[in-house]
Amino acid sequence: NIPTEQLDELMRLLHQIVDNVQDQLER
């Protein structure tokens, strides 16, 4: 029951969260 556009946005946001955490850990 989640539209494709919202799933795409969710995936984009999750990737951003992972990138944020990875950047912080590397610093």
mmCIF file of all heavy atoms, coordinates in Angstrom:
data_MODEL
# 
_entry.id   MODEL 
# 
loop_
_atom_site.group_PDB 
_atom_site.id 
_atom_site.type_symbol 
_atom_site.label_atom_id 
_atom_site.label_alt_id 
_atom_site.label_comp_id 
_atom_site.label_asym_id 
_atom_site.label_entity_id 
_atom_site.label_seq_id 
_atom_site.pdbx_PDB_ins_code 
_atom_site.Cartn_x 
_atom_site.Cartn_y 
_atom_site.Cartn_z 
_atom_site.occupancy 
_atom_site.B_iso_or_equiv 
_atom_site.pdbx_formal_charge 
_atom_site.auth_seq_id 
_atom_site.auth_comp_id 
_atom_site.auth_asym_id 
_atom_site.auth_atom_id 
_atom_site.pdbx_PDB_model_num 
ATOM 1   N N   . ASN A 1 1  ? 0.800  -1.231 0.000  1.00 0.00 ? 1  ASN A N   1 
ATOM 2   C CA  . ASN A 1 1  ? 0.000  0.000  0.000  1.00 0.00 ? 1  ASN A CA  1 
ATOM 3   C C   . ASN A 1 1  ? 0.835  1.286  0.000  1.00 0.00 ? 1  ASN A C   1 
ATOM 4   O O   . ASN A 1 1  ? 0.329  2.343  0.387  1.00 0.00 ? 1  ASN A O   1 
ATOM 5   C CB  . ASN A 1 1  ? -0.975 0.026  1.183  1.00 0.00 ? 1  ASN A CB  1 
ATOM 6   C CG  . ASN A 1 1  ? -1.959 -1.125 1.139  1.00 0.00 ? 1  ASN A CG  1 
ATOM 7   O OD1 . ASN A 1 1  ? -2.402 -1.537 0.069  1.00 0.00 ? 1  ASN A OD1 1 
ATOM 8   N ND2 . ASN A 1 1  ? -2.276 -1.668 2.302  1.00 0.00 ? 1  ASN A ND2 1 
ATOM 9   N N   . ILE A 1 2  ? 2.082  1.210  -0.414 1.00 0.00 ? 2  ILE A N   1 
ATOM 10  C CA  . ILE A 1 2  ? 2.909  2.417  -0.513 1.00 0.00 ? 2  ILE A CA  1 
ATOM 11  C C   . ILE A 1 2  ? 3.155  2.682  -1.994 1.00 0.00 ? 2  ILE A C   1 
ATOM 12  O O   . ILE A 1 2  ? 3.717  1.842  -2.689 1.00 0.00 ? 2  ILE A O   1 
ATOM 13  C CB  . ILE A 1 2  ? 4.250  2.255  0.240  1.00 0.00 ? 2  ILE A CB  1 
ATOM 14  C CG1 . ILE A 1 2  ? 3.991  1.943  1.717  1.00 0.00 ? 2  ILE A CG1 1 
ATOM 15  C CG2 . ILE A 1 2  ? 5.089  3.521  0.093  1.00 0.00 ? 2  ILE A CG2 1 
ATOM 16  C CD1 . ILE A 1 2  ? 5.252  1.663  2.518  1.00 0.00 ? 2  ILE A CD1 1 
ATOM 17  N N   . PRO A 1 3  ? 2.748  3.841  -2.475 1.00 0.00 ? 3  PRO A N   1 
ATOM 18  C CA  . PRO A 1 3  ? 2.938  4.176  -3.893 1.00 0.00 ? 3  PRO A CA  1 
ATOM 19  C C   . PRO A 1 3  ? 4.422  4.208  -4.282 1.00 0.00 ? 3  PRO A C   1 
ATOM 20  O O   . PRO A 1 3  ? 5.293  4.515  -3.457 1.00 0.00 ? 3  PRO A O   1 
ATOM 21  C CB  . PRO A 1 3  ? 2.322  5.574  -4.034 1.00 0.00 ? 3  PRO A CB  1 
ATOM 22  C CG  . PRO A 1 3  ? 1.442  5.737  -2.847 1.00 0.00 ? 3  PRO A CG  1 
ATOM 23  C CD  . PRO A 1 3  ? 2.028  4.898  -1.760 1.00 0.00 ? 3  PRO A CD  1 
ATOM 24  N N   . THR A 1 4  ? 4.689  3.911  -5.540 1.00 0.00 ? 4  THR A N   1 
ATOM 25  C CA  . THR A 1 4  ? 6.053  3.846  -6.063 1.00 0.00 ? 4  THR A CA  1 
ATOM 26  C C   . THR A 1 4  ? 6.838  5.121  -5.788 1.00 0.00 ? 4  THR A C   1 
ATOM 27  O O   . THR A 1 4  ? 8.002  5.058  -5.392 1.00 0.00 ? 4  THR A O   1 
ATOM 28  C CB  . THR A 1 4  ? 6.022  3.559  -7.575 1.00 0.00 ? 4  THR A CB  1 
ATOM 29  O OG1 . THR A 1 4  ? 5.299  2.357  -7.798 1.00 0.00 ? 4  THR A OG1 1 
ATOM 30  C CG2 . THR A 1 4  ? 7.421  3.426  -8.141 1.00 0.00 ? 4  THR A CG2 1 
ATOM 31  N N   . GLU A 1 5  ? 6.203  6.287  -5.976 1.00 0.00 ? 5  GLU A N   1 
ATOM 32  C CA  . GLU A 1 5  ? 6.921  7.551  -5.764 1.00 0.00 ? 5  GLU A CA  1 
ATOM 33  C C   . GLU A 1 5  ? 7.388  7.674  -4.316 1.00 0.00 ? 5  GLU A C   1 
ATOM 34  O O   . GLU A 1 5  ? 8.488  8.158  -4.041 1.00 0.00 ? 5  GLU A O   1 
ATOM 35  C CB  . GLU A 1 5  ? 6.034  8.779  -6.073 1.00 0.00 ? 5  GLU A CB  1 
ATOM 36  C CG  . GLU A 1 5  ? 5.197  8.738  -7.325 1.00 0.00 ? 5  GLU A CG  1 
ATOM 37  C CD  . GLU A 1 5  ? 3.930  7.890  -7.172 1.00 0.00 ? 5  GLU A CD  1 
ATOM 38  O OE1 . GLU A 1 5  ? 3.072  8.127  -6.295 1.00 0.00 ? 5  GLU A OE1 1 
ATOM 39  O OE2 . GLU A 1 5  ? 3.808  6.956  -7.990 1.00 0.00 ? 5  GLU A OE2 1 
ATOM 40  N N   . GLN A 1 6  ? 6.543  7.253  -3.392 1.00 0.00 ? 6  GLN A N   1 
ATOM 41  C CA  . GLN A 1 6  ? 6.912  7.333  -1.982 1.00 0.00 ? 6  GLN A CA  1 
ATOM 42  C C   . GLN A 1 6  ? 8.013  6.321  -1.646 1.00 0.00 ? 6  GLN A C   1 
ATOM 43  O O   . GLN A 1 6  ? 8.895  6.610  -0.839 1.00 0.00 ? 6  GLN A O   1 
ATOM 44  C CB  . GLN A 1 6  ? 5.692  7.121  -1.094 1.00 0.00 ? 6  GLN A CB  1 
ATOM 45  C CG  . GLN A 1 6  ? 4.736  8.291  -1.137 1.00 0.00 ? 6  GLN A CG  1 
ATOM 46  C CD  . GLN A 1 6  ? 3.527  8.093  -0.241 1.00 0.00 ? 6  GLN A CD  1 
ATOM 47  O OE1 . GLN A 1 6  ? 3.160  6.963  0.093  1.00 0.00 ? 6  GLN A OE1 1 
ATOM 48  N NE2 . GLN A 1 6  ? 2.893  9.190  0.141  1.00 0.00 ? 6  GLN A NE2 1 
ATOM 49  N N   . LEU A 1 7  ? 7.965  5.148  -2.266 1.00 0.00 ? 7  LEU A N   1 
ATOM 50  C CA  . LEU A 1 7  ? 9.030  4.164  -2.051 1.00 0.00 ? 7  LEU A CA  1 
ATOM 51  C C   . LEU A 1 7  ? 10.357 4.684  -2.577 1.00 0.00 ? 7  LEU A C   1 
ATOM 52  O O   . LEU A 1 7  ? 11.395 4.506  -1.935 1.00 0.00 ? 7  LEU A O   1 
ATOM 53  C CB  . LEU A 1 7  ? 8.680  2.831  -2.720 1.00 0.00 ? 7  LEU A CB  1 
ATOM 54  C CG  . LEU A 1 7  ? 7.634  1.990  -2.026 1.00 0.00 ? 7  LEU A CG  1 
ATOM 55  C CD1 . LEU A 1 7  ? 7.292  0.768  -2.868 1.00 0.00 ? 7  LEU A CD1 1 
ATOM 56  C CD2 . LEU A 1 7  ? 8.100  1.576  -0.650 1.00 0.00 ? 7  LEU A CD2 1 
ATOM 57  N N   . ASP A 1 8  ? 10.314 5.327  -3.741 1.00 0.00 ? 8  ASP A N   1 
ATOM 58  C CA  . ASP A 1 8  ? 11.542 5.912  -4.296 1.00 0.00 ? 8  ASP A CA  1 
ATOM 59  C C   . ASP A 1 8  ? 12.111 6.958  -3.347 1.00 0.00 ? 8  ASP A C   1 
ATOM 60  O O   . ASP A 1 8  ? 13.320 7.010  -3.116 1.00 0.00 ? 8  ASP A O   1 
ATOM 61  C CB  . ASP A 1 8  ? 11.269 6.531  -5.672 1.00 0.00 ? 8  ASP A CB  1 
ATOM 62  C CG  . ASP A 1 8  ? 10.957 5.501  -6.744 1.00 0.00 ? 8  ASP A CG  1 
ATOM 63  O OD1 . ASP A 1 8  ? 11.238 4.302  -6.524 1.00 0.00 ? 8  ASP A OD1 1 
ATOM 64  O OD2 . ASP A 1 8  ? 10.428 5.896  -7.803 1.00 0.00 ? 8  ASP A OD2 1 
ATOM 65  N N   . GLU A 1 9  ? 11.251 7.787  -2.805 1.00 0.00 ? 9  GLU A N   1 
ATOM 66  C CA  . GLU A 1 9  ? 11.690 8.824  -1.860 1.00 0.00 ? 9  GLU A CA  1 
ATOM 67  C C   . GLU A 1 9  ? 12.228 8.192  -0.571 1.00 0.00 ? 9  GLU A C   1 
ATOM 68  O O   . GLU A 1 9  ? 13.235 8.631  -0.023 1.00 0.00 ? 9  GLU A O   1 
ATOM 69  C CB  . GLU A 1 9  ? 10.541 9.797  -1.557 1.00 0.00 ? 9  GLU A CB  1 
ATOM 70  C CG  . GLU A 1 9  ? 10.897 10.898 -0.587 1.00 0.00 ? 9  GLU A CG  1 
ATOM 71  C CD  . GLU A 1 9  ? 11.953 11.879 -1.094 1.00 0.00 ? 9  GLU A CD  1 
ATOM 72  O OE1 . GLU A 1 9  ? 12.394 11.779 -2.255 1.00 0.00 ? 9  GLU A OE1 1 
ATOM 73  O OE2 . GLU A 1 9  ? 12.354 12.748 -0.304 1.00 0.00 ? 9  GLU A OE2 1 
ATOM 74  N N   . LEU A 1 10 ? 11.563 7.161  -0.101 1.00 0.00 ? 10 LEU A N   1 
ATOM 75  C CA  . LEU A 1 10 ? 12.035 6.456  1.099  1.00 0.00 ? 10 LEU A CA  1 
ATOM 76  C C   . LEU A 1 10 ? 13.435 5.897  0.876  1.00 0.00 ? 10 LEU A C   1 
ATOM 77  O O   . LEU A 1 10 ? 14.319 6.046  1.729  1.00 0.00 ? 10 LEU A O   1 
ATOM 78  C CB  . LEU A 1 10 ? 11.064 5.327  1.471  1.00 0.00 ? 10 LEU A CB  1 
ATOM 79  C CG  . LEU A 1 10 ? 11.508 4.411  2.610  1.00 0.00 ? 10 LEU A CG  1 
ATOM 80  C CD1 . LEU A 1 10 ? 11.663 5.183  3.908  1.00 0.00 ? 10 LEU A CD1 1 
ATOM 81  C CD2 . LEU A 1 10 ? 10.531 3.266  2.760  1.00 0.00 ? 10 LEU A CD2 1 
ATOM 82  N N   . MET A 1 11 ? 13.644 5.272  -0.268 1.00 0.00 ? 11 MET A N   1 
ATOM 83  C CA  . MET A 1 11 ? 14.972 4.711  -0.568 1.00 0.00 ? 11 MET A CA  1 
ATOM 84  C C   . MET A 1 11 ? 16.024 5.812  -0.647 1.00 0.00 ? 11 MET A C   1 
ATOM 85  O O   . MET A 1 11 ? 17.136 5.672  -0.135 1.00 0.00 ? 11 MET A O   1 
ATOM 86  C CB  . MET A 1 11 ? 14.936 3.903  -1.861 1.00 0.00 ? 11 MET A CB  1 
ATOM 87  C CG  . MET A 1 11 ? 14.099 2.639  -1.762 1.00 0.00 ? 11 MET A CG  1 
ATOM 88  S SD  . MET A 1 11 ? 14.595 1.538  -0.412 1.00 0.00 ? 11 MET A SD  1 
ATOM 89  C CE  . MET A 1 11 ? 16.190 1.028  -0.994 1.00 0.00 ? 11 MET A CE  1 
ATOM 90  N N   . ARG A 1 12 ? 15.666 6.922  -1.262 1.00 0.00 ? 12 ARG A N   1 
ATOM 91  C CA  . ARG A 1 12 ? 16.594 8.052  -1.346 1.00 0.00 ? 12 ARG A CA  1 
ATOM 92  C C   . ARG A 1 12 ? 16.965 8.538  0.057  1.00 0.00 ? 12 ARG A C   1 
ATOM 93  O O   . ARG A 1 12 ? 18.135 8.757  0.375  1.00 0.00 ? 12 ARG A O   1 
ATOM 94  C CB  . ARG A 1 12 ? 15.981 9.193  -2.159 1.00 0.00 ? 12 ARG A CB  1 
ATOM 95  C CG  . ARG A 1 12 ? 16.960 10.337 -2.435 1.00 0.00 ? 12 ARG A CG  1 
ATOM 96  C CD  . ARG A 1 12 ? 16.271 11.560 -3.007 1.00 0.00 ? 12 ARG A CD  1 
ATOM 97  N NE  . ARG A 1 12 ? 15.416 12.249 -2.045 1.00 0.00 ? 12 ARG A NE  1 
ATOM 98  C CZ  . ARG A 1 12 ? 15.868 12.985 -1.012 1.00 0.00 ? 12 ARG A CZ  1 
ATOM 99  N NH1 . ARG A 1 12 ? 17.151 13.104 -0.795 1.00 0.00 ? 12 ARG A NH1 1 
ATOM 100 N NH2 . ARG A 1 12 ? 15.021 13.589 -0.197 1.00 0.00 ? 12 ARG A NH2 1 
ATOM 101 N N   . LEU A 1 13 ? 15.966 8.670  0.917  1.00 0.00 ? 13 LEU A N   1 
ATOM 102 C CA  . LEU A 1 13 ? 16.211 9.143  2.282  1.00 0.00 ? 13 LEU A CA  1 
ATOM 103 C C   . LEU A 1 13 ? 17.036 8.147  3.098  1.00 0.00 ? 13 LEU A C   1 
ATOM 104 O O   . LEU A 1 13 ? 17.935 8.543  3.847  1.00 0.00 ? 13 LEU A O   1 
ATOM 105 C CB  . LEU A 1 13 ? 14.879 9.434  2.979  1.00 0.00 ? 13 LEU A CB  1 
ATOM 106 C CG  . LEU A 1 13 ? 14.097 10.626 2.434  1.00 0.00 ? 13 LEU A CG  1 
ATOM 107 C CD1 . LEU A 1 13 ? 12.692 10.648 3.007  1.00 0.00 ? 13 LEU A CD1 1 
ATOM 108 C CD2 . LEU A 1 13 ? 14.834 11.928 2.709  1.00 0.00 ? 13 LEU A CD2 1 
ATOM 109 N N   . LEU A 1 14 ? 16.745 6.876  2.943  1.00 0.00 ? 14 LEU A N   1 
ATOM 110 C CA  . LEU A 1 14 ? 17.532 5.862  3.666  1.00 0.00 ? 14 LEU A CA  1 
ATOM 111 C C   . LEU A 1 14 ? 18.989 5.873  3.215  1.00 0.00 ? 14 LEU A C   1 
ATOM 112 O O   . LEU A 1 14 ? 19.906 5.762  4.040  1.00 0.00 ? 14 LEU A O   1 
ATOM 113 C CB  . LEU A 1 14 ? 16.907 4.474  3.492  1.00 0.00 ? 14 LEU A CB  1 
ATOM 114 C CG  . LEU A 1 14 ? 15.604 4.248  4.245  1.00 0.00 ? 14 LEU A CG  1 
ATOM 115 C CD1 . LEU A 1 14 ? 14.977 2.917  3.829  1.00 0.00 ? 14 LEU A CD1 1 
ATOM 116 C CD2 . LEU A 1 14 ? 15.816 4.286  5.745  1.00 0.00 ? 14 LEU A CD2 1 
ATOM 117 N N   . HIS A 1 15 ? 19.210 6.028  1.914  1.00 0.00 ? 15 HIS A N   1 
ATOM 118 C CA  . HIS A 1 15 ? 20.586 6.135  1.417  1.00 0.00 ? 15 HIS A CA  1 
ATOM 119 C C   . HIS A 1 15 ? 21.266 7.375  2.001  1.00 0.00 ? 15 HIS A C   1 
ATOM 120 O O   . HIS A 1 15 ? 22.440 7.335  2.363  1.00 0.00 ? 15 HIS A O   1 
ATOM 121 C CB  . HIS A 1 15 ? 20.618 6.170  -0.116 1.00 0.00 ? 15 HIS A CB  1 
ATOM 122 C CG  . HIS A 1 15 ? 20.463 4.838  -0.749 1.00 0.00 ? 15 HIS A CG  1 
ATOM 123 N ND1 . HIS A 1 15 ? 21.458 3.879  -0.728 1.00 0.00 ? 15 HIS A ND1 1 
ATOM 124 C CD2 . HIS A 1 15 ? 19.425 4.280  -1.417 1.00 0.00 ? 15 HIS A CD2 1 
ATOM 125 C CE1 . HIS A 1 15 ? 21.034 2.802  -1.361 1.00 0.00 ? 15 HIS A CE1 1 
ATOM 126 N NE2 . HIS A 1 15 ? 19.800 3.016  -1.781 1.00 0.00 ? 15 HIS A NE2 1 
ATOM 127 N N   . GLN A 1 16 ? 20.533 8.458  2.112  1.00 0.00 ? 16 GLN A N   1 
ATOM 128 C CA  . GLN A 1 16 ? 21.091 9.685  2.686  1.00 0.00 ? 16 GLN A CA  1 
ATOM 129 C C   . GLN A 1 16 ? 21.458 9.471  4.157  1.00 0.00 ? 16 GLN A C   1 
ATOM 130 O O   . GLN A 1 16 ? 22.512 9.913  4.609  1.00 0.00 ? 16 GLN A O   1 
ATOM 131 C CB  . GLN A 1 16 ? 20.102 10.842 2.554  1.00 0.00 ? 16 GLN A CB  1 
ATOM 132 C CG  . GLN A 1 16 ? 20.645 12.159 3.082  1.00 0.00 ? 16 GLN A CG  1 
ATOM 133 C CD  . GLN A 1 16 ? 21.848 12.637 2.299  1.00 0.00 ? 16 GLN A CD  1 
ATOM 134 O OE1 . GLN A 1 16 ? 21.778 12.755 1.083  1.00 0.00 ? 16 GLN A OE1 1 
ATOM 135 N NE2 . GLN A 1 16 ? 22.951 12.903 2.974  1.00 0.00 ? 16 GLN A NE2 1 
ATOM 136 N N   . ILE A 1 17 ? 20.607 8.777  4.892  1.00 0.00 ? 17 ILE A N   1 
ATOM 137 C CA  . ILE A 1 17 ? 20.897 8.481  6.298  1.00 0.00 ? 17 ILE A CA  1 
ATOM 138 C C   . ILE A 1 17 ? 22.169 7.640  6.410  1.00 0.00 ? 17 ILE A C   1 
ATOM 139 O O   . ILE A 1 17 ? 23.051 7.925  7.229  1.00 0.00 ? 17 ILE A O   1 
ATOM 140 C CB  . ILE A 1 17 ? 19.694 7.780  6.969  1.00 0.00 ? 17 ILE A CB  1 
ATOM 141 C CG1 . ILE A 1 17 ? 18.534 8.766  7.132  1.00 0.00 ? 17 ILE A CG1 1 
ATOM 142 C CG2 . ILE A 1 17 ? 20.091 7.186  8.325  1.00 0.00 ? 17 ILE A CG2 1 
ATOM 143 C CD1 . ILE A 1 17 ? 17.233 8.134  7.580  1.00 0.00 ? 17 ILE A CD1 1 
ATOM 144 N N   . VAL A 1 18 ? 22.279 6.620  5.572  1.00 0.00 ? 18 VAL A N   1 
ATOM 145 C CA  . VAL A 1 18 ? 23.482 5.774  5.587  1.00 0.00 ? 18 VAL A CA  1 
ATOM 146 C C   . VAL A 1 18 ? 24.723 6.604  5.271  1.00 0.00 ? 18 VAL A C   1 
ATOM 147 O O   . VAL A 1 18 ? 25.750 6.496  5.946  1.00 0.00 ? 18 VAL A O   1 
ATOM 148 C CB  . VAL A 1 18 ? 23.345 4.587  4.605  1.00 0.00 ? 18 VAL A CB  1 
ATOM 149 C CG1 . VAL A 1 18 ? 24.663 3.861  4.418  1.00 0.00 ? 18 VAL A CG1 1 
ATOM 150 C CG2 . VAL A 1 18 ? 22.272 3.626  5.089  1.00 0.00 ? 18 VAL A CG2 1 
ATOM 151 N N   . ASP A 1 19 ? 24.631 7.448  4.260  1.00 0.00 ? 19 ASP A N   1 
ATOM 152 C CA  . ASP A 1 19 ? 25.761 8.311  3.896  1.00 0.00 ? 19 ASP A CA  1 
ATOM 153 C C   . ASP A 1 19 ? 26.132 9.252  5.034  1.00 0.00 ? 19 ASP A C   1 
ATOM 154 O O   . ASP A 1 19 ? 27.321 9.452  5.324  1.00 0.00 ? 19 ASP A O   1 
ATOM 155 C CB  . ASP A 1 19 ? 25.447 9.125  2.631  1.00 0.00 ? 19 ASP A CB  1 
ATOM 156 C CG  . ASP A 1 19 ? 25.362 8.264  1.380  1.00 0.00 ? 19 ASP A CG  1 
ATOM 157 O OD1 . ASP A 1 19 ? 25.816 7.094  1.408  1.00 0.00 ? 19 ASP A OD1 1 
ATOM 158 O OD2 . ASP A 1 19 ? 24.829 8.760  0.364  1.00 0.00 ? 19 ASP A OD2 1 
ATOM 159 N N   . ASN A 1 20 ? 25.138 9.845  5.685  1.00 0.00 ? 20 ASN A N   1 
ATOM 160 C CA  . ASN A 1 20 ? 25.397 10.747 6.808  1.00 0.00 ? 20 ASN A CA  1 
ATOM 161 C C   . ASN A 1 20 ? 26.144 10.029 7.933  1.00 0.00 ? 20 ASN A C   1 
ATOM 162 O O   . ASN A 1 20 ? 27.113 10.548 8.481  1.00 0.00 ? 20 ASN A O   1 
ATOM 163 C CB  . ASN A 1 20 ? 24.087 11.313 7.379  1.00 0.00 ? 20 ASN A CB  1 
ATOM 164 C CG  . ASN A 1 20 ? 23.394 12.268 6.443  1.00 0.00 ? 20 ASN A CG  1 
ATOM 165 O OD1 . ASN A 1 20 ? 23.975 12.750 5.471  1.00 0.00 ? 20 ASN A OD1 1 
ATOM 166 N ND2 . ASN A 1 20 ? 22.134 12.547 6.725  1.00 0.00 ? 20 ASN A ND2 1 
ATOM 167 N N   . VAL A 1 21 ? 25.665 8.841  8.257  1.00 0.00 ? 21 VAL A N   1 
ATOM 168 C CA  . VAL A 1 21 ? 26.294 8.078  9.334  1.00 0.00 ? 21 VAL A CA  1 
ATOM 169 C C   . VAL A 1 21 ? 27.715 7.680  8.943  1.00 0.00 ? 21 VAL A C   1 
ATOM 170 O O   . VAL A 1 21 ? 28.648 7.801  9.741  1.00 0.00 ? 21 VAL A O   1 
ATOM 171 C CB  . VAL A 1 21 ? 25.434 6.838  9.689  1.00 0.00 ? 21 VAL A CB  1 
ATOM 172 C CG1 . VAL A 1 21 ? 26.169 5.903  10.622 1.00 0.00 ? 21 VAL A CG1 1 
ATOM 173 C CG2 . VAL A 1 21 ? 24.107 7.280  10.294 1.00 0.00 ? 21 VAL A CG2 1 
ATOM 174 N N   . GLN A 1 22 ? 27.891 7.222  7.712  1.00 0.00 ? 22 GLN A N   1 
ATOM 175 C CA  . GLN A 1 22 ? 29.218 6.821  7.245  1.00 0.00 ? 22 GLN A CA  1 
ATOM 176 C C   . GLN A 1 22 ? 30.193 7.995  7.277  1.00 0.00 ? 22 GLN A C   1 
ATOM 177 O O   . GLN A 1 22 ? 31.322 7.857  7.732  1.00 0.00 ? 22 GLN A O   1 
ATOM 178 C CB  . GLN A 1 22 ? 29.143 6.231  5.835  1.00 0.00 ? 22 GLN A CB  1 
ATOM 179 C CG  . GLN A 1 22 ? 30.452 5.654  5.344  1.00 0.00 ? 22 GLN A CG  1 
ATOM 180 C CD  . GLN A 1 22 ? 30.926 4.500  6.199  1.00 0.00 ? 22 GLN A CD  1 
ATOM 181 O OE1 . GLN A 1 22 ? 30.149 3.684  6.670  1.00 0.00 ? 22 GLN A OE1 1 
ATOM 182 N NE2 . GLN A 1 22 ? 32.226 4.429  6.425  1.00 0.00 ? 22 GLN A NE2 1 
ATOM 183 N N   . ASP A 1 23 ? 29.751 9.156  6.812  1.00 0.00 ? 23 ASP A N   1 
ATOM 184 C CA  . ASP A 1 23 ? 30.594 10.348 6.843  1.00 0.00 ? 23 ASP A CA  1 
ATOM 185 C C   . ASP A 1 23 ? 31.013 10.688 8.267  1.00 0.00 ? 23 ASP A C   1 
ATOM 186 O O   . ASP A 1 23 ? 32.175 11.000 8.534  1.00 0.00 ? 23 ASP A O   1 
ATOM 187 C CB  . ASP A 1 23 ? 29.859 11.554 6.236  1.00 0.00 ? 23 ASP A CB  1 
ATOM 188 C CG  . ASP A 1 23 ? 29.693 11.458 4.731  1.00 0.00 ? 23 ASP A CG  1 
ATOM 189 O OD1 . ASP A 1 23 ? 30.342 10.594 4.093  1.00 0.00 ? 23 ASP A OD1 1 
ATOM 190 O OD2 . ASP A 1 23 ? 28.882 12.249 4.193  1.00 0.00 ? 23 ASP A OD2 1 
ATOM 191 N N   . GLN A 1 24 ? 30.064 10.629 9.190  1.00 0.00 ? 24 GLN A N   1 
ATOM 192 C CA  . GLN A 1 24 ? 30.358 10.944 10.586 1.00 0.00 ? 24 GLN A CA  1 
ATOM 193 C C   . GLN A 1 24 ? 31.357 9.951  11.179 1.00 0.00 ? 24 GLN A C   1 
ATOM 194 O O   . GLN A 1 24 ? 32.287 10.339 11.878 1.00 0.00 ? 24 GLN A O   1 
ATOM 195 C CB  . GLN A 1 24 ? 29.061 10.959 11.389 1.00 0.00 ? 24 GLN A CB  1 
ATOM 196 C CG  . GLN A 1 24 ? 29.225 11.391 12.817 1.00 0.00 ? 24 GLN A CG  1 
ATOM 197 C CD  . GLN A 1 24 ? 29.609 12.846 12.953 1.00 0.00 ? 24 GLN A CD  1 
ATOM 198 O OE1 . GLN A 1 24 ? 29.349 13.665 12.056 1.00 0.00 ? 24 GLN A OE1 1 
ATOM 199 N NE2 . GLN A 1 24 ? 30.250 13.204 14.034 1.00 0.00 ? 24 GLN A NE2 1 
ATOM 200 N N   . LEU A 1 25 ? 31.156 8.675  10.897 1.00 0.00 ? 25 LEU A N   1 
ATOM 201 C CA  . LEU A 1 25 ? 32.059 7.650  11.436 1.00 0.00 ? 25 LEU A CA  1 
ATOM 202 C C   . LEU A 1 25 ? 33.482 7.828  10.874 1.00 0.00 ? 25 LEU A C   1 
ATOM 203 O O   . LEU A 1 25 ? 34.461 7.652  11.601 1.00 0.00 ? 25 LEU A O   1 
ATOM 204 C CB  . LEU A 1 25 ? 31.533 6.252  11.101 1.00 0.00 ? 25 LEU A CB  1 
ATOM 205 C CG  . LEU A 1 25 ? 30.272 5.831  11.859 1.00 0.00 ? 25 LEU A CG  1 
ATOM 206 C CD1 . LEU A 1 25 ? 29.757 4.498  11.329 1.00 0.00 ? 25 LEU A CD1 1 
ATOM 207 C CD2 . LEU A 1 25 ? 30.522 5.758  13.354 1.00 0.00 ? 25 LEU A CD2 1 
ATOM 208 N N   . GLU A 1 26 ? 33.577 8.151  9.608  1.00 0.00 ? 26 GLU A N   1 
ATOM 209 C CA  . GLU A 1 26 ? 34.903 8.337  8.994  1.00 0.00 ? 26 GLU A CA  1 
ATOM 210 C C   . GLU A 1 26 ? 35.605 9.557  9.571  1.00 0.00 ? 26 GLU A C   1 
ATOM 211 O O   . GLU A 1 26 ? 36.832 9.556  9.715  1.00 0.00 ? 26 GLU A O   1 
ATOM 212 C CB  . GLU A 1 26 ? 34.772 8.448  7.478  1.00 0.00 ? 26 GLU A CB  1 
ATOM 213 C CG  . GLU A 1 26 ? 34.458 7.106  6.837  1.00 0.00 ? 26 GLU A CG  1 
ATOM 214 C CD  . GLU A 1 26 ? 34.199 7.178  5.347  1.00 0.00 ? 26 GLU A CD  1 
ATOM 215 O OE1 . GLU A 1 26 ? 34.342 8.273  4.759  1.00 0.00 ? 26 GLU A OE1 1 
ATOM 216 O OE2 . GLU A 1 26 ? 33.816 6.137  4.790  1.00 0.00 ? 26 GLU A OE2 1 
ATOM 217 N N   . ARG A 1 27 ? 34.869 10.585 9.931  1.00 0.00 ? 27 ARG A N   1 
ATOM 218 C CA  . ARG A 1 27 ? 35.469 11.786 10.526 1.00 0.00 ? 27 ARG A CA  1 
ATOM 219 C C   . ARG A 1 27 ? 36.027 11.509 11.922 1.00 0.00 ? 27 ARG A C   1 
ATOM 220 O O   . ARG A 1 27 ? 36.936 12.186 12.369 1.00 0.00 ? 27 ARG A O   1 
ATOM 221 C CB  . ARG A 1 27 ? 34.446 12.912 10.616 1.00 0.00 ? 27 ARG A CB  1 
ATOM 222 C CG  . ARG A 1 27 ? 34.373 13.711 9.348  1.00 0.00 ? 27 ARG A CG  1 
ATOM 223 C CD  . ARG A 1 27 ? 33.561 14.985 9.545  1.00 0.00 ? 27 ARG A CD  1 
ATOM 224 N NE  . ARG A 1 27 ? 32.508 14.923 8.555  1.00 0.00 ? 27 ARG A NE  1 
ATOM 225 C CZ  . ARG A 1 27 ? 31.215 15.010 8.783  1.00 0.00 ? 27 ARG A CZ  1 
ATOM 226 N NH1 . ARG A 1 27 ? 30.776 15.203 9.992  1.00 0.00 ? 27 ARG A NH1 1 
ATOM 227 N NH2 . ARG A 1 27 ? 30.353 14.907 7.817  1.00 0.00 ? 27 ARG A NH2 1 
# 
